[in-house]
Amino acid sequence: MFKKQSLFLVVLIALAVVLGSCSFTPGQMDAPPVSDDTTGGGGEEVVDEEVEPTATPTELTQKGIVAIINLWYDWSGENEAVLNDVLAKFKEEYPNVIINTTYVPDSELKEKFEKDSRTPYLIIGPPDWAKEWMDIYFIQDLSLMAEAETGWMDTWTEEALATSTVDGALLTTPINAGMAGVDKPSVFYLPDAANYQNKTAAWEMMMFFTRPEIQEMLVAAGQKTILKGS
Protein backbone atom coordinates (compact mmCIF):
# COMPACT_ATOMS: atom_id res chain seq x y z
CA MET A 1 0.00 0.00 0.00
CA PHE A 2 2.79 2.40 0.88
CA LYS A 3 4.54 1.70 -2.44
CA LYS A 4 1.33 2.45 -4.37
CA GLN A 5 0.90 5.79 -2.57
CA SER A 6 4.53 6.71 -3.22
CA LEU A 7 4.18 5.90 -6.90
CA PHE A 8 0.98 7.98 -7.07
CA LEU A 9 2.76 10.99 -5.51
CA VAL A 10 5.64 10.70 -7.96
CA VAL A 11 3.18 10.73 -10.89
CA LEU A 12 1.41 13.82 -9.50
CA ILE A 13 4.68 15.70 -9.03
CA ALA A 14 5.84 14.85 -12.54
CA LEU A 15 2.51 15.99 -13.99
CA ALA A 16 2.73 19.31 -12.11
CA VAL A 17 6.22 19.95 -13.49
CA VAL A 18 5.06 19.30 -17.05
CA LEU A 19 2.02 21.56 -16.71
CA GLY A 20 4.10 24.31 -15.10
CA SER A 21 6.50 24.37 -18.02
CA CYS A 22 3.56 24.78 -20.43
CA SER A 23 1.98 27.79 -18.73
CA PHE A 24 0.90 30.75 -20.89
CA THR A 25 -0.10 34.33 -20.48
CA PRO A 26 -3.41 35.79 -21.73
CA GLY A 27 -3.39 36.15 -25.50
CA GLN A 28 -0.88 33.41 -26.14
CA MET A 29 -3.53 30.95 -27.26
CA ASP A 30 -4.21 32.96 -30.39
CA ALA A 31 -0.60 33.83 -31.11
CA PRO A 32 1.06 32.14 -34.10
CA PRO A 33 4.02 29.89 -33.43
CA VAL A 34 7.39 31.60 -33.43
CA SER A 35 10.00 30.19 -35.78
CA ASP A 36 13.74 30.75 -35.81
CA ASP A 37 13.86 29.90 -39.52
CA THR A 38 15.47 32.75 -41.50
CA THR A 39 14.50 31.35 -44.88
CA GLY A 40 11.53 32.26 -47.01
CA GLY A 41 9.07 29.83 -48.50
CA GLY A 42 11.53 28.95 -51.29
CA GLY A 43 14.30 28.09 -48.88
CA GLU A 44 16.32 31.26 -49.56
CA GLU A 45 17.66 33.20 -46.61
CA VAL A 46 15.68 36.34 -45.79
CA VAL A 47 17.81 39.35 -44.90
CA ASP A 48 16.21 42.26 -43.05
CA GLU A 49 16.61 45.49 -45.00
CA GLU A 50 18.03 48.44 -43.10
CA VAL A 51 15.49 51.18 -42.55
CA GLU A 52 16.74 54.68 -43.22
CA PRO A 53 16.26 56.75 -40.04
CA THR A 54 13.92 59.72 -40.41
CA ALA A 55 13.42 62.78 -38.27
CA THR A 56 10.48 62.49 -35.92
CA PRO A 57 8.23 65.55 -36.26
CA THR A 58 6.84 67.14 -33.14
CA GLU A 59 3.15 66.88 -32.37
CA LEU A 60 2.59 70.52 -33.24
CA THR A 61 4.42 70.57 -36.58
CA GLN A 62 3.47 67.16 -37.94
CA LYS A 63 1.05 67.51 -40.83
CA GLY A 64 -2.47 66.59 -39.86
CA ILE A 65 -1.96 66.96 -36.11
CA VAL A 66 -4.18 69.72 -34.76
CA ALA A 67 -4.12 71.37 -31.34
CA ILE A 68 -6.46 74.00 -29.94
CA ILE A 69 -5.78 76.93 -27.62
CA ASN A 70 -8.80 78.64 -26.09
CA LEU A 71 -7.16 81.86 -24.90
CA TRP A 72 -8.82 84.26 -22.49
CA TYR A 73 -7.14 87.64 -21.98
CA ASP A 74 -7.75 91.02 -20.39
CA TRP A 75 -5.74 93.27 -22.75
CA SER A 76 -7.45 96.07 -24.64
CA GLY A 77 -6.54 98.90 -27.01
CA GLU A 78 -2.91 98.94 -28.18
CA ASN A 79 -2.10 95.96 -25.99
CA GLU A 80 -4.79 93.89 -27.67
CA ALA A 81 -3.46 94.95 -31.06
CA VAL A 82 0.08 93.79 -30.29
CA LEU A 83 -1.33 90.57 -28.83
CA ASN A 84 -2.99 89.84 -32.17
CA ASP A 85 0.30 90.56 -33.96
CA VAL A 86 2.17 88.13 -31.71
CA LEU A 87 -0.49 85.46 -32.13
CA ALA A 88 -0.20 85.84 -35.91
CA LYS A 89 3.54 85.17 -35.67
CA PHE A 90 2.90 82.15 -33.47
CA LYS A 91 0.44 80.87 -36.06
CA GLU A 92 3.09 81.15 -38.77
CA GLU A 93 5.36 78.82 -36.81
CA TYR A 94 2.60 76.50 -35.61
CA PRO A 95 0.06 76.42 -38.46
CA ASN A 96 -1.76 73.40 -37.03
CA VAL A 97 -2.67 75.18 -33.81
CA ILE A 98 -6.16 76.67 -33.77
CA ILE A 99 -6.32 79.77 -31.55
CA ASN A 100 -9.71 80.85 -30.19
CA THR A 101 -9.44 84.18 -28.37
CA THR A 102 -11.90 85.72 -25.90
CA TYR A 103 -11.51 89.17 -24.36
CA VAL A 104 -12.62 89.35 -20.73
CA PRO A 105 -12.22 92.61 -18.74
CA ASP A 106 -9.86 92.32 -15.79
CA SER A 107 -12.73 93.03 -13.39
CA GLU A 108 -14.64 90.00 -14.71
CA LEU A 109 -11.87 87.53 -15.58
CA LYS A 110 -11.45 85.92 -12.17
CA GLU A 111 -15.14 85.29 -11.60
CA LYS A 112 -15.68 84.07 -15.16
CA PHE A 113 -12.88 81.50 -14.89
CA GLU A 114 -14.04 80.27 -11.50
CA LYS A 115 -17.50 79.66 -12.95
CA ASP A 116 -16.13 77.98 -16.07
CA SER A 117 -12.68 76.50 -15.48
CA ARG A 118 -13.07 73.90 -18.25
CA THR A 119 -13.29 76.15 -21.32
CA PRO A 120 -10.02 78.16 -21.43
CA TYR A 121 -6.73 76.35 -22.03
CA LEU A 122 -4.64 79.48 -21.45
CA ILE A 123 -5.28 82.74 -19.60
CA ILE A 124 -3.54 86.12 -19.68
CA GLY A 125 -4.13 88.17 -16.55
CA PRO A 126 -2.54 89.66 -13.44
CA PRO A 127 -0.62 87.34 -11.13
CA ASP A 128 -2.83 87.99 -8.09
CA TRP A 129 -4.92 84.83 -8.27
CA ALA A 130 -2.21 82.17 -8.66
CA LYS A 131 -2.13 80.86 -5.08
CA GLU A 132 -5.91 80.69 -4.76
CA TRP A 133 -6.39 78.98 -8.11
CA MET A 134 -3.63 76.48 -7.38
CA ASP A 135 -5.17 75.58 -4.02
CA ILE A 136 -8.45 74.64 -5.71
CA TYR A 137 -6.65 72.79 -8.52
CA PHE A 138 -7.78 75.12 -11.31
CA ILE A 139 -4.28 75.69 -12.67
CA GLN A 140 -1.18 73.58 -13.11
CA ASP A 141 2.08 73.81 -11.18
CA LEU A 142 4.63 74.63 -13.88
CA SER A 143 7.81 74.00 -11.89
CA LEU A 144 8.87 70.70 -13.46
CA MET A 145 7.92 71.80 -16.97
CA ALA A 146 9.97 74.98 -16.66
CA GLU A 147 12.97 73.20 -15.14
CA ALA A 148 13.00 70.84 -18.12
CA GLU A 149 13.61 73.88 -20.37
CA THR A 150 17.26 74.22 -19.39
CA GLY A 151 18.34 77.82 -18.83
CA TRP A 152 14.97 79.28 -19.76
CA MET A 153 14.14 80.83 -16.39
CA ASP A 154 17.70 82.17 -16.15
CA THR A 155 16.81 84.69 -18.87
CA TRP A 156 14.08 86.27 -16.74
CA THR A 157 14.64 89.18 -14.41
CA GLU A 158 14.49 88.47 -10.69
CA GLU A 159 11.26 90.46 -10.51
CA ALA A 160 9.65 88.37 -13.25
CA LEU A 161 10.63 85.12 -11.55
CA ALA A 162 9.35 86.36 -8.19
CA THR A 163 6.05 87.42 -9.76
CA SER A 164 5.49 83.93 -11.17
CA THR A 165 6.57 82.03 -8.04
CA VAL A 166 4.40 81.30 -5.01
CA ASP A 167 5.81 79.39 -2.02
CA GLY A 168 8.66 78.09 -4.16
CA ALA A 169 6.40 76.79 -6.93
CA LEU A 170 6.19 78.28 -10.42
CA LEU A 171 2.47 78.85 -10.96
CA THR A 172 2.56 81.25 -13.93
CA THR A 173 4.99 82.36 -16.62
CA PRO A 174 5.76 86.05 -17.18
CA ILE A 175 4.70 88.05 -20.23
CA ASN A 176 5.57 91.60 -19.25
CA ALA A 177 6.55 93.64 -16.20
CA GLY A 178 3.70 96.08 -16.69
CA MET A 179 1.95 98.05 -19.43
CA ALA A 180 1.20 101.69 -20.10
CA GLY A 181 -1.28 102.75 -17.45
CA VAL A 182 -1.17 99.33 -15.78
CA ASP A 183 1.25 98.81 -12.92
CA LYS A 184 0.65 95.08 -12.57
CA PRO A 185 2.59 92.63 -14.73
CA SER A 186 0.82 90.20 -17.02
CA VAL A 187 1.31 86.45 -16.71
CA PHE A 188 0.10 83.24 -18.31
CA TYR A 189 -2.00 80.76 -16.35
CA LEU A 190 -2.19 77.17 -17.62
CA PRO A 191 -5.59 75.73 -16.63
CA ASP A 192 -5.59 72.06 -15.74
CA ALA A 193 -8.53 71.19 -17.98
CA ALA A 194 -6.83 70.87 -21.37
CA ASN A 195 -5.82 67.49 -22.75
CA TYR A 196 -2.14 66.70 -23.35
CA GLN A 197 -2.03 67.89 -26.94
CA ASN A 198 -3.76 71.21 -26.30
CA LYS A 199 -1.75 71.75 -23.12
CA THR A 200 1.45 71.19 -25.10
CA ALA A 201 0.39 73.86 -27.59
CA ALA A 202 -0.39 76.26 -24.74
CA TRP A 203 3.01 75.61 -23.21
CA GLU A 204 4.71 76.39 -26.53
CA MET A 205 2.86 79.70 -26.61
CA MET A 206 3.92 80.54 -23.05
CA MET A 207 7.56 80.08 -24.02
CA PHE A 208 7.02 81.89 -27.33
CA PHE A 209 6.06 85.11 -25.54
CA THR A 210 9.42 85.20 -23.72
CA ARG A 211 11.50 85.14 -26.90
CA PRO A 212 13.64 88.27 -27.33
CA GLU A 213 12.04 89.23 -30.64
CA ILE A 214 8.54 88.90 -29.15
CA GLN A 215 9.53 90.89 -26.09
CA GLU A 216 10.76 93.62 -28.44
CA MET A 217 7.31 93.76 -30.03
CA LEU A 218 5.69 94.12 -26.62
CA VAL A 219 8.14 96.83 -25.55
CA ALA A 220 7.43 98.76 -28.76
CA ALA A 221 3.77 98.73 -27.72
CA GLY A 222 4.58 100.30 -24.34
CA GLN A 223 5.07 97.17 -22.24
CA LYS A 224 8.04 96.41 -19.99
CA THR A 225 10.27 93.44 -20.74
CA ILE A 226 10.79 90.46 -18.44
CA LEU A 227 14.21 89.58 -19.89
CA LYS A 228 17.56 90.37 -18.32
CA GLY A 229 19.75 92.91 -20.08
CA SER A 230 16.96 94.25 -22.27
C-alpha atoms as a PDB file:
ATOM      1  CA  MET A   1       0.000   0.000   0.000  1.00  0.00           C
ATOM      2  CA  PHE A   2       2.793   2.396   0.883  1.00  0.00           C
ATOM      3  CA  LYS A   3       4.542   1.696  -2.439  1.00  0.00           C
ATOM      4  CA  LYS A   4       1.330   2.455  -4.370  1.00  0.00           C
ATOM      5  CA  GLN A   5       0.904   5.790  -2.573  1.00  0.00           C
ATOM      6  CA  SER A   6       4.526   6.715  -3.215  1.00  0.00           C
ATOM      7  CA  LEU A   7       4.180   5.898  -6.901  1.00  0.00           C
ATOM      8  CA  PHE A   8       0.982   7.977  -7.074  1.00  0.00           C
ATOM      9  CA  LEU A   9       2.758  10.994  -5.511  1.00  0.00           C
ATOM     10  CA  VAL A  10       5.639  10.702  -7.961  1.00  0.00           C
ATOM     11  CA  VAL A  11       3.185  10.729 -10.890  1.00  0.00           C
ATOM     12  CA  LEU A  12       1.409  13.816  -9.503  1.00  0.00           C
ATOM     13  CA  ILE A  13       4.679  15.705  -9.030  1.00  0.00           C
ATOM     14  CA  ALA A  14       5.839  14.849 -12.545  1.00  0.00           C
ATOM     15  CA  LEU A  15       2.511  15.988 -13.991  1.00  0.00           C
ATOM     16  CA  ALA A  16       2.730  19.308 -12.106  1.00  0.00           C
ATOM     17  CA  VAL A  17       6.217  19.949 -13.486  1.00  0.00           C
ATOM     18  CA  VAL A  18       5.058  19.304 -17.054  1.00  0.00           C
ATOM     19  CA  LEU A  19       2.019  21.564 -16.710  1.00  0.00           C
ATOM     20  CA  GLY A  20       4.102  24.314 -15.098  1.00  0.00           C
ATOM     21  CA  SER A  21       6.499  24.370 -18.025  1.00  0.00           C
ATOM     22  CA  CYS A  22       3.563  24.779 -20.431  1.00  0.00           C
ATOM     23  CA  SER A  23       1.978  27.793 -18.726  1.00  0.00           C
ATOM     24  CA  PHE A  24       0.896  30.747 -20.886  1.00  0.00           C
ATOM     25  CA  THR A  25      -0.104  34.329 -20.478  1.00  0.00           C
ATOM     26  CA  PRO A  26      -3.408  35.791 -21.725  1.00  0.00           C
ATOM     27  CA  GLY A  27      -3.387  36.153 -25.497  1.00  0.00           C
ATOM     28  CA  GLN A  28      -0.881  33.411 -26.142  1.00  0.00           C
ATOM     29  CA  MET A  29      -3.530  30.951 -27.257  1.00  0.00           C
ATOM     30  CA  ASP A  30      -4.214  32.956 -30.390  1.00  0.00           C
ATOM     31  CA  ALA A  31      -0.599  33.834 -31.106  1.00  0.00           C
ATOM     32  CA  PRO A  32       1.064  32.140 -34.103  1.00  0.00           C
ATOM     33  CA  PRO A  33       4.024  29.887 -33.428  1.00  0.00           C
ATOM     34  CA  VAL A  34       7.393  31.601 -33.428  1.00  0.00           C
ATOM     35  CA  SER A  35      10.003  30.192 -35.785  1.00  0.00           C
ATOM     36  CA  ASP A  36      13.743  30.749 -35.811  1.00  0.00           C
ATOM     37  CA  ASP A  37      13.859  29.900 -39.517  1.00  0.00           C
ATOM     38  CA  THR A  38      15.466  32.753 -41.496  1.00  0.00           C
ATOM     39  CA  THR A  39      14.504  31.353 -44.884  1.00  0.00           C
ATOM     40  CA  GLY A  40      11.531  32.261 -47.005  1.00  0.00           C
ATOM     41  CA  GLY A  41       9.071  29.835 -48.502  1.00  0.00           C
ATOM     42  CA  GLY A  42      11.532  28.953 -51.286  1.00  0.00           C
ATOM     43  CA  GLY A  43      14.298  28.087 -48.876  1.00  0.00           C
ATOM     44  CA  GLU A  44      16.322  31.263 -49.559  1.00  0.00           C
ATOM     45  CA  GLU A  45      17.663  33.199 -46.610  1.00  0.00           C
ATOM     46  CA  VAL A  46      15.684  36.335 -45.793  1.00  0.00           C
ATOM     47  CA  VAL A  47      17.814  39.350 -44.897  1.00  0.00           C
ATOM     48  CA  ASP A  48      16.207  42.258 -43.052  1.00  0.00           C
ATOM     49  CA  GLU A  49      16.613  45.488 -45.005  1.00  0.00           C
ATOM     50  CA  GLU A  50      18.032  48.441 -43.096  1.00  0.00           C
ATOM     51  CA  VAL A  51      15.486  51.182 -42.552  1.00  0.00           C
ATOM     52  CA  GLU A  52      16.743  54.684 -43.215  1.00  0.00           C
ATOM     53  CA  PRO A  53      16.257  56.753 -40.036  1.00  0.00           C
ATOM     54  CA  THR A  54      13.921  59.716 -40.411  1.00  0.00           C
ATOM     55  CA  ALA A  55      13.420  62.782 -38.267  1.00  0.00           C
ATOM     56  CA  THR A  56      10.478  62.491 -35.925  1.00  0.00           C
ATOM     57  CA  PRO A  57       8.228  65.551 -36.263  1.00  0.00           C
ATOM     58  CA  THR A  58       6.841  67.143 -33.143  1.00  0.00           C
ATOM     59  CA  GLU A  59       3.147  66.877 -32.374  1.00  0.00           C
ATOM     60  CA  LEU A  60       2.593  70.520 -33.242  1.00  0.00           C
ATOM     61  CA  THR A  61       4.419  70.573 -36.583  1.00  0.00           C
ATOM     62  CA  GLN A  62       3.474  67.158 -37.938  1.00  0.00           C
ATOM     63  CA  LYS A  63       1.052  67.510 -40.829  1.00  0.00           C
ATOM     64  CA  GLY A  64      -2.468  66.595 -39.858  1.00  0.00           C
ATOM     65  CA  ILE A  65      -1.964  66.957 -36.111  1.00  0.00           C
ATOM     66  CA  VAL A  66      -4.181  69.723 -34.761  1.00  0.00           C
ATOM     67  CA  ALA A  67      -4.122  71.370 -31.339  1.00  0.00           C
ATOM     68  CA  ILE A  68      -6.462  73.996 -29.936  1.00  0.00           C
ATOM     69  CA  ILE A  69      -5.785  76.930 -27.622  1.00  0.00           C
ATOM     70  CA  ASN A  70      -8.802  78.643 -26.085  1.00  0.00           C
ATOM     71  CA  LEU A  71      -7.160  81.860 -24.902  1.00  0.00           C
ATOM     72  CA  TRP A  72      -8.816  84.264 -22.488  1.00  0.00           C
ATOM     73  CA  TYR A  73      -7.136  87.636 -21.985  1.00  0.00           C
ATOM     74  CA  ASP A  74      -7.753  91.020 -20.392  1.00  0.00           C
ATOM     75  CA  TRP A  75      -5.744  93.266 -22.750  1.00  0.00           C
ATOM     76  CA  SER A  76      -7.451  96.070 -24.642  1.00  0.00           C
ATOM     77  CA  GLY A  77      -6.537  98.899 -27.010  1.00  0.00           C
ATOM     78  CA  GLU A  78      -2.912  98.941 -28.177  1.00  0.00           C
ATOM     79  CA  ASN A  79      -2.097  95.958 -25.990  1.00  0.00           C
ATOM     80  CA  GLU A  80      -4.788  93.888 -27.667  1.00  0.00           C
ATOM     81  CA  ALA A  81      -3.461  94.953 -31.064  1.00  0.00           C
ATOM     82  CA  VAL A  82       0.084  93.791 -30.290  1.00  0.00           C
ATOM     83  CA  LEU A  83      -1.331  90.569 -28.834  1.00  0.00           C
ATOM     84  CA  ASN A  84      -2.989  89.839 -32.167  1.00  0.00           C
ATOM     85  CA  ASP A  85       0.298  90.556 -33.957  1.00  0.00           C
ATOM     86  CA  VAL A  86       2.173  88.127 -31.705  1.00  0.00           C
ATOM     87  CA  LEU A  87      -0.487  85.458 -32.132  1.00  0.00           C
ATOM     88  CA  ALA A  88      -0.198  85.840 -35.910  1.00  0.00           C
ATOM     89  CA  LYS A  89       3.544  85.170 -35.668  1.00  0.00           C
ATOM     90  CA  PHE A  90       2.898  82.146 -33.471  1.00  0.00           C
ATOM     91  CA  LYS A  91       0.435  80.875 -36.058  1.00  0.00           C
ATOM     92  CA  GLU A  92       3.094  81.152 -38.771  1.00  0.00           C
ATOM     93  CA  GLU A  93       5.359  78.823 -36.807  1.00  0.00           C
ATOM     94  CA  TYR A  94       2.597  76.503 -35.608  1.00  0.00           C
ATOM     95  CA  PRO A  95       0.058  76.422 -38.465  1.00  0.00           C
ATOM     96  CA  ASN A  96      -1.762  73.403 -37.032  1.00  0.00           C
ATOM     97  CA  VAL A  97      -2.673  75.183 -33.808  1.00  0.00           C
ATOM     98  CA  ILE A  98      -6.162  76.665 -33.768  1.00  0.00           C
ATOM     99  CA  ILE A  99      -6.325  79.765 -31.551  1.00  0.00           C
ATOM    100  CA  ASN A 100      -9.705  80.847 -30.191  1.00  0.00           C
ATOM    101  CA  THR A 101      -9.443  84.183 -28.368  1.00  0.00           C
ATOM    102  CA  THR A 102     -11.898  85.723 -25.897  1.00  0.00           C
ATOM    103  CA  TYR A 103     -11.514  89.174 -24.360  1.00  0.00           C
ATOM    104  CA  VAL A 104     -12.622  89.353 -20.729  1.00  0.00           C
ATOM    105  CA  PRO A 105     -12.217  92.605 -18.736  1.00  0.00           C
ATOM    106  CA  ASP A 106      -9.860  92.315 -15.785  1.00  0.00           C
ATOM    107  CA  SER A 107     -12.728  93.029 -13.393  1.00  0.00           C
ATOM    108  CA  GLU A 108     -14.643  89.996 -14.710  1.00  0.00           C
ATOM    109  CA  LEU A 109     -11.871  87.534 -15.576  1.00  0.00           C
ATOM    110  CA  LYS A 110     -11.451  85.919 -12.169  1.00  0.00           C
ATOM    111  CA  GLU A 111     -15.139  85.293 -11.601  1.00  0.00           C
ATOM    112  CA  LYS A 112     -15.685  84.070 -15.162  1.00  0.00           C
ATOM    113  CA  PHE A 113     -12.883  81.502 -14.891  1.00  0.00           C
ATOM    114  CA  GLU A 114     -14.039  80.274 -11.497  1.00  0.00           C
ATOM    115  CA  LYS A 115     -17.499  79.658 -12.953  1.00  0.00           C
ATOM    116  CA  ASP A 116     -16.126  77.977 -16.069  1.00  0.00           C
ATOM    117  CA  SER A 117     -12.678  76.499 -15.480  1.00  0.00           C
ATOM    118  CA  ARG A 118     -13.070  73.899 -18.254  1.00  0.00           C
ATOM    119  CA  THR A 119     -13.289  76.151 -21.315  1.00  0.00           C
ATOM    120  CA  PRO A 120     -10.021  78.156 -21.428  1.00  0.00           C
ATOM    121  CA  TYR A 121      -6.727  76.353 -22.035  1.00  0.00           C
ATOM    122  CA  LEU A 122      -4.639  79.480 -21.453  1.00  0.00           C
ATOM    123  CA  ILE A 123      -5.285  82.743 -19.604  1.00  0.00           C
ATOM    124  CA  ILE A 124      -3.536  86.124 -19.681  1.00  0.00           C
ATOM    125  CA  GLY A 125      -4.133  88.167 -16.552  1.00  0.00           C
ATOM    126  CA  PRO A 126      -2.545  89.664 -13.444  1.00  0.00           C
ATOM    127  CA  PRO A 127      -0.616  87.336 -11.127  1.00  0.00           C
ATOM    128  CA  ASP A 128      -2.828  87.989  -8.091  1.00  0.00           C
ATOM    129  CA  TRP A 129      -4.920  84.827  -8.270  1.00  0.00           C
ATOM    130  CA  ALA A 130      -2.210  82.174  -8.656  1.00  0.00           C
ATOM    131  CA  LYS A 131      -2.134  80.864  -5.081  1.00  0.00           C
ATOM    132  CA  GLU A 132      -5.912  80.686  -4.755  1.00  0.00           C
ATOM    133  CA  TRP A 133      -6.386  78.976  -8.110  1.00  0.00           C
ATOM    134  CA  MET A 134      -3.626  76.479  -7.378  1.00  0.00           C
ATOM    135  CA  ASP A 135      -5.169  75.584  -4.017  1.00  0.00           C
ATOM    136  CA  ILE A 136      -8.452  74.640  -5.707  1.00  0.00           C
ATOM    137  CA  TYR A 137      -6.650  72.789  -8.520  1.00  0.00           C
ATOM    138  CA  PHE A 138      -7.785  75.123 -11.306  1.00  0.00           C
ATOM    139  CA  ILE A 139      -4.280  75.691 -12.670  1.00  0.00           C
ATOM    140  CA  GLN A 140      -1.178  73.577 -13.110  1.00  0.00           C
ATOM    141  CA  ASP A 141       2.082  73.815 -11.177  1.00  0.00           C
ATOM    142  CA  LEU A 142       4.631  74.629 -13.882  1.00  0.00           C
ATOM    143  CA  SER A 143       7.810  74.004 -11.894  1.00  0.00           C
ATOM    144  CA  LEU A 144       8.874  70.695 -13.462  1.00  0.00           C
ATOM    145  CA  MET A 145       7.922  71.796 -16.970  1.00  0.00           C
ATOM    146  CA  ALA A 146       9.974  74.982 -16.661  1.00  0.00           C
ATOM    147  CA  GLU A 147      12.968  73.202 -15.137  1.00  0.00           C
ATOM    148  CA  ALA A 148      13.002  70.845 -18.124  1.00  0.00           C
ATOM    149  CA  GLU A 149      13.609  73.876 -20.374  1.00  0.00           C
ATOM    150  CA  THR A 150      17.261  74.217 -19.389  1.00  0.00           C
ATOM    151  CA  GLY A 151      18.338  77.817 -18.827  1.00  0.00           C
ATOM    152  CA  TRP A 152      14.968  79.276 -19.760  1.00  0.00           C
ATOM    153  CA  MET A 153      14.140  80.829 -16.390  1.00  0.00           C
ATOM    154  CA  ASP A 154      17.701  82.173 -16.150  1.00  0.00           C
ATOM    155  CA  THR A 155      16.806  84.686 -18.872  1.00  0.00           C
ATOM    156  CA  TRP A 156      14.077  86.271 -16.744  1.00  0.00           C
ATOM    157  CA  THR A 157      14.644  89.185 -14.409  1.00  0.00           C
ATOM    158  CA  GLU A 158      14.487  88.467 -10.690  1.00  0.00           C
ATOM    159  CA  GLU A 159      11.264  90.460 -10.511  1.00  0.00           C
ATOM    160  CA  ALA A 160       9.649  88.369 -13.249  1.00  0.00           C
ATOM    161  CA  LEU A 161      10.631  85.121 -11.552  1.00  0.00           C
ATOM    162  CA  ALA A 162       9.352  86.360  -8.188  1.00  0.00           C
ATOM    163  CA  THR A 163       6.055  87.416  -9.762  1.00  0.00           C
ATOM    164  CA  SER A 164       5.490  83.928 -11.165  1.00  0.00           C
ATOM    165  CA  THR A 165       6.573  82.033  -8.042  1.00  0.00           C
ATOM    166  CA  VAL A 166       4.399  81.295  -5.005  1.00  0.00           C
ATOM    167  CA  ASP A 167       5.808  79.392  -2.019  1.00  0.00           C
ATOM    168  CA  GLY A 168       8.665  78.089  -4.161  1.00  0.00           C
ATOM    169  CA  ALA A 169       6.396  76.787  -6.931  1.00  0.00           C
ATOM    170  CA  LEU A 170       6.193  78.282 -10.419  1.00  0.00           C
ATOM    171  CA  LEU A 171       2.471  78.851 -10.962  1.00  0.00           C
ATOM    172  CA  THR A 172       2.561  81.253 -13.926  1.00  0.00           C
ATOM    173  CA  THR A 173       4.989  82.362 -16.623  1.00  0.00           C
ATOM    174  CA  PRO A 174       5.763  86.050 -17.184  1.00  0.00           C
ATOM    175  CA  ILE A 175       4.698  88.047 -20.229  1.00  0.00           C
ATOM    176  CA  ASN A 176       5.571  91.603 -19.252  1.00  0.00           C
ATOM    177  CA  ALA A 177       6.545  93.638 -16.204  1.00  0.00           C
ATOM    178  CA  GLY A 178       3.697  96.079 -16.694  1.00  0.00           C
ATOM    179  CA  MET A 179       1.947  98.051 -19.427  1.00  0.00           C
ATOM    180  CA  ALA A 180       1.203 101.689 -20.096  1.00  0.00           C
ATOM    181  CA  GLY A 181      -1.283 102.753 -17.452  1.00  0.00           C
ATOM    182  CA  VAL A 182      -1.174  99.326 -15.781  1.00  0.00           C
ATOM    183  CA  ASP A 183       1.251  98.809 -12.920  1.00  0.00           C
ATOM    184  CA  LYS A 184       0.654  95.080 -12.566  1.00  0.00           C
ATOM    185  CA  PRO A 185       2.593  92.633 -14.726  1.00  0.00           C
ATOM    186  CA  SER A 186       0.820  90.199 -17.019  1.00  0.00           C
ATOM    187  CA  VAL A 187       1.312  86.450 -16.711  1.00  0.00           C
ATOM    188  CA  PHE A 188       0.099  83.241 -18.308  1.00  0.00           C
ATOM    189  CA  TYR A 189      -2.003  80.764 -16.348  1.00  0.00           C
ATOM    190  CA  LEU A 190      -2.194  77.172 -17.623  1.00  0.00           C
ATOM    191  CA  PRO A 191      -5.594  75.732 -16.626  1.00  0.00           C
ATOM    192  CA  ASP A 192      -5.586  72.064 -15.736  1.00  0.00           C
ATOM    193  CA  ALA A 193      -8.534  71.187 -17.977  1.00  0.00           C
ATOM    194  CA  ALA A 194      -6.829  70.872 -21.367  1.00  0.00           C
ATOM    195  CA  ASN A 195      -5.818  67.491 -22.747  1.00  0.00           C
ATOM    196  CA  TYR A 196      -2.145  66.703 -23.351  1.00  0.00           C
ATOM    197  CA  GLN A 197      -2.027  67.894 -26.944  1.00  0.00           C
ATOM    198  CA  ASN A 198      -3.756  71.214 -26.298  1.00  0.00           C
ATOM    199  CA  LYS A 199      -1.755  71.749 -23.121  1.00  0.00           C
ATOM    200  CA  THR A 200       1.454  71.190 -25.102  1.00  0.00           C
ATOM    201  CA  ALA A 201       0.391  73.856 -27.585  1.00  0.00           C
ATOM    202  CA  ALA A 202      -0.392  76.262 -24.745  1.00  0.00           C
ATOM    203  CA  TRP A 203       3.014  75.614 -23.210  1.00  0.00           C
ATOM    204  CA  GLU A 204       4.709  76.387 -26.530  1.00  0.00           C
ATOM    205  CA  MET A 205       2.859  79.705 -26.607  1.00  0.00           C
ATOM    206  CA  MET A 206       3.917  80.538 -23.050  1.00  0.00           C
ATOM    207  CA  MET A 207       7.563  80.085 -24.016  1.00  0.00           C
ATOM    208  CA  PHE A 208       7.024  81.893 -27.326  1.00  0.00           C
ATOM    209  CA  PHE A 209       6.063  85.115 -25.536  1.00  0.00           C
ATOM    210  CA  THR A 210       9.419  85.203 -23.716  1.00  0.00           C
ATOM    211  CA  ARG A 211      11.498  85.144 -26.903  1.00  0.00           C
ATOM    212  CA  PRO A 212      13.635  88.268 -27.325  1.00  0.00           C
ATOM    213  CA  GLU A 213      12.036  89.230 -30.643  1.00  0.00           C
ATOM    214  CA  ILE A 214       8.542  88.903 -29.153  1.00  0.00           C
ATOM    215  CA  GLN A 215       9.529  90.890 -26.087  1.00  0.00           C
ATOM    216  CA  GLU A 216      10.761  93.623 -28.440  1.00  0.00           C
ATOM    217  CA  MET A 217       7.313  93.757 -30.031  1.00  0.00           C
ATOM    218  CA  LEU A 218       5.692  94.117 -26.616  1.00  0.00           C
ATOM    219  CA  VAL A 219       8.136  96.831 -25.553  1.00  0.00           C
ATOM    220  CA  ALA A 220       7.425  98.758 -28.763  1.00  0.00           C
ATOM    221  CA  ALA A 221       3.765  98.735 -27.721  1.00  0.00           C
ATOM    222  CA  GLY A 222       4.578 100.297 -24.338  1.00  0.00           C
ATOM    223  CA  GLN A 223       5.071  97.174 -22.238  1.00  0.00           C
ATOM    224  CA  LYS A 224       8.039  96.410 -19.990  1.00  0.00           C
ATOM    225  CA  THR A 225      10.269  93.439 -20.737  1.00  0.00           C
ATOM    226  CA  ILE A 226      10.792  90.461 -18.443  1.00  0.00           C
ATOM    227  CA  LEU A 227      14.208  89.580 -19.892  1.00  0.00           C
ATOM    228  CA  LYS A 228      17.563  90.366 -18.320  1.00  0.00           C
ATOM    229  CA  GLY A 229      19.754  92.910 -20.082  1.00  0.00           C
ATOM    230  CA  SER A 230      16.962  94.249 -22.271  1.00  0.00           C
END
